[in-house]
Amino acid sequence: MKNTIQIQDTEFELFLENDQICKKIRLMAIQLDLDYESRCPVFIGVLNGSFIFMADLLKEINTVCEVGFIRVSSYAGTSSTGSVKEIFGLPDDLRNRDVILVEDIVDSGTTLEHILQEVRKQNPASLAVCSLLLKPAALKSKIDALEYVGFEIPNEFVVGYGLDYNGLGRNLKDIYKAKTVR
């Protein structure tokens, strides 16, 4: 574990250690097991960022479940544009199913709201969101389905544990935040 790392032109400092992340995931899994006991939820990970979180979460889940992934395409840019072009891989058999969307991070919530809208069209029995990170200060509007949150964090740029900076850093086991530029 390094206290600071450099990715391209930006220096990052340690924010959340892997041990903290793993402990929080175990607690989230216990709650999900309780809430979905004797049901068979469908966990749908939002790629690319959720893959590490979702893998670690599912290793802690004891409830019988199904797993899938979707990918969302936006128009352009490295920051959220607010325009979602298409959702790839959304199952078309979610009617009367318990659906849990798995996100790495929720910031503005714009993309997540679009995904929720598309899933609701299929009339699932229930719909919840499980996100490792939430930036409350960046959220544009309340998301009722956001029921499971690992950490609420400040509105700062983070990388690692599935989160990237220009495609780099997803493989880091800890989460780092960008150092403030002075």
Protein backbone atom coordinates (compact mmCIF):
# COMPACT_ATOMS: atom_id res chain seq x y z
CA MET A 1 0.00 0.00 0.00
CA LYS A 2 1.38 3.34 -1.06
CA ASN A 3 0.26 6.60 0.50
CA THR A 4 0.53 8.47 -2.81
CA ILE A 5 0.54 7.39 -6.44
CA GLN A 6 0.97 9.15 -9.75
CA ILE A 7 -1.33 8.48 -12.72
CA GLN A 8 -0.47 10.48 -15.78
CA ASP A 9 -0.51 14.16 -14.76
CA THR A 10 -2.27 13.72 -11.42
CA GLU A 11 -1.05 12.76 -7.97
CA PHE A 12 -3.43 10.79 -5.77
CA GLU A 13 -3.34 10.14 -2.02
CA LEU A 14 -4.63 7.12 -0.13
CA PHE A 15 -8.30 7.54 0.79
CA LEU A 16 -9.79 4.11 1.62
CA GLU A 17 -7.65 1.07 2.38
CA ASN A 18 -8.62 -2.33 1.06
CA ASP A 19 -9.25 -3.65 4.59
CA GLN A 20 -11.86 -0.92 5.20
CA ILE A 21 -13.48 -1.66 1.84
CA CYS A 22 -13.63 -5.42 2.49
CA LYS A 23 -15.15 -4.94 5.96
CA LYS A 24 -17.84 -2.65 4.56
CA ILE A 25 -18.60 -5.12 1.76
CA ARG A 26 -19.06 -7.94 4.29
CA LEU A 27 -21.55 -5.77 6.21
CA MET A 28 -23.42 -4.90 3.01
CA ALA A 29 -23.57 -8.59 2.06
CA ILE A 30 -24.99 -9.53 5.47
CA GLN A 31 -27.74 -6.94 5.03
CA LEU A 32 -28.48 -8.11 1.47
CA ASP A 33 -28.64 -11.75 2.67
CA LEU A 34 -31.15 -10.73 5.35
CA ASP A 35 -33.25 -8.63 2.97
CA TYR A 36 -33.34 -11.23 0.18
CA GLU A 37 -33.49 -14.42 2.23
CA SER A 38 -35.47 -17.16 0.44
CA ARG A 39 -35.65 -15.03 -2.74
CA CYS A 40 -33.47 -15.22 -5.83
CA PRO A 41 -32.35 -11.69 -6.71
CA VAL A 42 -30.67 -10.72 -9.95
CA PHE A 43 -27.51 -8.70 -9.36
CA ILE A 44 -26.71 -6.50 -12.37
CA GLY A 45 -23.32 -4.82 -12.36
CA VAL A 46 -22.81 -1.57 -14.26
CA LEU A 47 -19.56 -1.88 -16.21
CA ASN A 48 -16.75 -1.04 -16.23
CA GLY A 49 -16.33 0.34 -12.75
CA SER A 50 -18.40 -2.14 -10.74
CA PHE A 51 -16.58 -5.35 -11.70
CA ILE A 52 -14.20 -5.55 -8.71
CA PHE A 53 -16.78 -4.41 -6.16
CA MET A 54 -19.40 -6.78 -7.55
CA ALA A 55 -17.03 -9.76 -7.56
CA ASP A 56 -16.04 -9.14 -3.94
CA LEU A 57 -19.65 -8.50 -2.90
CA LEU A 58 -20.93 -11.69 -4.52
CA LYS A 59 -18.23 -13.77 -2.81
CA GLU A 60 -19.80 -12.66 0.50
CA ILE A 61 -23.44 -13.27 -0.55
CA ASN A 62 -24.94 -16.56 0.64
CA THR A 63 -28.37 -16.07 -0.93
CA VAL A 64 -29.05 -17.95 -4.17
CA CYS A 65 -28.85 -15.35 -6.93
CA GLU A 66 -28.30 -14.65 -10.60
CA VAL A 67 -25.64 -12.34 -11.99
CA GLY A 68 -25.44 -10.14 -15.06
CA PHE A 69 -23.72 -7.03 -16.33
CA ILE A 70 -24.75 -4.03 -18.36
CA ARG A 71 -22.74 -1.31 -19.99
CA VAL A 72 -23.93 2.23 -20.51
CA SER A 73 -22.76 4.38 -23.37
CA SER A 74 -22.83 8.16 -23.08
CA TYR A 75 -22.22 10.65 -25.82
CA ALA A 76 -18.73 11.97 -25.04
CA GLY A 77 -16.27 13.33 -22.56
CA THR A 78 -14.52 12.15 -19.43
CA SER A 79 -17.11 13.67 -17.09
CA SER A 80 -20.81 12.95 -16.95
CA THR A 81 -22.57 14.54 -19.90
CA GLY A 82 -26.06 13.75 -18.69
CA SER A 83 -26.83 12.13 -22.04
CA VAL A 84 -27.14 8.36 -22.10
CA LYS A 85 -27.07 6.86 -25.57
CA GLU A 86 -27.72 3.18 -24.93
CA ILE A 87 -27.70 0.41 -22.34
CA PHE A 88 -26.01 -2.77 -23.55
CA GLY A 89 -26.83 -6.17 -22.12
CA LEU A 90 -29.91 -5.35 -20.04
CA PRO A 91 -31.78 -8.64 -19.55
CA ASP A 92 -35.32 -8.63 -20.95
CA ASP A 93 -36.70 -11.10 -18.39
CA LEU A 94 -36.87 -8.98 -15.23
CA ARG A 95 -40.66 -9.04 -14.81
CA ASN A 96 -41.57 -9.98 -11.21
CA ARG A 97 -37.87 -10.42 -10.33
CA ASP A 98 -35.95 -8.83 -7.47
CA VAL A 99 -33.32 -6.68 -9.19
CA ILE A 100 -30.25 -5.20 -7.51
CA LEU A 101 -28.17 -2.81 -9.60
CA VAL A 102 -24.53 -2.73 -8.48
CA GLU A 103 -22.56 0.49 -8.98
CA ASP A 104 -19.02 1.45 -8.04
CA ILE A 105 -19.94 5.09 -7.45
CA VAL A 106 -22.98 7.34 -7.66
CA ASP A 107 -22.19 11.00 -8.17
CA SER A 108 -24.73 13.06 -10.14
CA GLY A 109 -27.10 10.08 -10.45
CA THR A 110 -28.09 10.99 -14.01
CA THR A 111 -26.92 7.74 -15.62
CA LEU A 112 -28.31 5.68 -12.75
CA GLU A 113 -31.75 7.32 -13.10
CA HIS A 114 -31.76 6.40 -16.79
CA ILE A 115 -30.90 2.76 -16.00
CA LEU A 116 -33.58 2.62 -13.28
CA GLN A 117 -36.15 4.00 -15.72
CA GLU A 118 -35.29 1.28 -18.27
CA VAL A 119 -35.44 -1.52 -15.67
CA ARG A 120 -38.79 -0.26 -14.30
CA LYS A 121 -40.32 -0.67 -17.78
CA GLN A 122 -40.04 -4.43 -17.21
CA ASN A 123 -42.05 -4.33 -13.95
CA PRO A 124 -39.63 -6.02 -11.56
CA ALA A 125 -41.00 -7.22 -8.21
CA SER A 126 -38.45 -4.96 -6.52
CA LEU A 127 -35.60 -2.72 -7.57
CA ALA A 128 -32.67 -1.59 -5.41
CA VAL A 129 -29.26 -0.05 -5.97
CA CYS A 130 -26.13 -1.15 -4.15
CA SER A 131 -23.21 1.28 -4.53
CA LEU A 132 -19.80 1.16 -2.93
CA LEU A 133 -19.46 4.95 -2.99
CA LEU A 134 -21.89 7.87 -2.95
CA LYS A 135 -21.09 11.56 -3.37
CA PRO A 136 -24.12 13.20 -1.70
CA ALA A 137 -22.93 16.72 -2.62
CA ALA A 138 -22.89 15.83 -6.33
CA LEU A 139 -26.30 14.11 -6.42
CA LYS A 140 -28.74 16.09 -8.58
CA SER A 141 -31.87 14.51 -7.05
CA LYS A 142 -32.76 11.90 -4.45
CA ILE A 143 -32.71 8.30 -5.74
CA ASP A 144 -35.20 6.25 -3.72
CA ALA A 145 -33.83 2.91 -5.02
CA LEU A 146 -30.37 3.69 -3.58
CA GLU A 147 -30.72 1.44 -0.53
CA TYR A 148 -27.23 0.06 0.04
CA VAL A 149 -24.27 2.44 0.24
CA GLY A 150 -20.81 1.50 1.44
CA PHE A 151 -19.25 4.93 1.94
CA GLU A 152 -20.49 8.49 1.56
CA ILE A 153 -17.56 10.54 0.30
CA PRO A 154 -16.87 14.21 -0.47
CA ASN A 155 -17.26 15.43 -4.03
CA GLU A 156 -13.66 14.61 -4.95
CA PHE A 157 -12.20 12.58 -7.79
CA VAL A 158 -11.29 9.03 -6.74
CA VAL A 159 -9.47 6.17 -8.44
CA GLY A 160 -8.76 2.50 -7.71
CA TYR A 161 -10.81 -0.58 -6.85
CA GLY A 162 -12.54 -0.45 -10.25
CA LEU A 163 -12.59 3.34 -10.58
CA ASP A 164 -10.36 4.82 -13.27
CA TYR A 165 -8.62 7.96 -14.39
CA ASN A 166 -8.46 8.04 -18.20
CA GLY A 167 -8.78 4.24 -18.22
CA LEU A 168 -5.98 3.72 -15.69
CA GLY A 169 -5.94 2.71 -12.04
CA ARG A 170 -8.89 0.30 -11.94
CA ASN A 171 -6.57 -2.47 -10.74
CA LEU A 172 -5.48 -0.69 -7.56
CA LYS A 173 -6.69 -2.53 -4.44
CA ASP A 174 -7.12 0.67 -2.43
CA ILE A 175 -9.04 3.84 -3.32
CA TYR A 176 -7.12 7.08 -3.78
CA LYS A 177 -8.36 10.66 -4.10
CA ALA A 178 -6.83 13.34 -6.29
CA LYS A 179 -4.62 15.68 -4.32
CA THR A 180 -5.86 19.25 -4.26
CA VAL A 181 -4.11 21.35 -6.84
CA ARG A 182 -2.76 24.58 -5.33
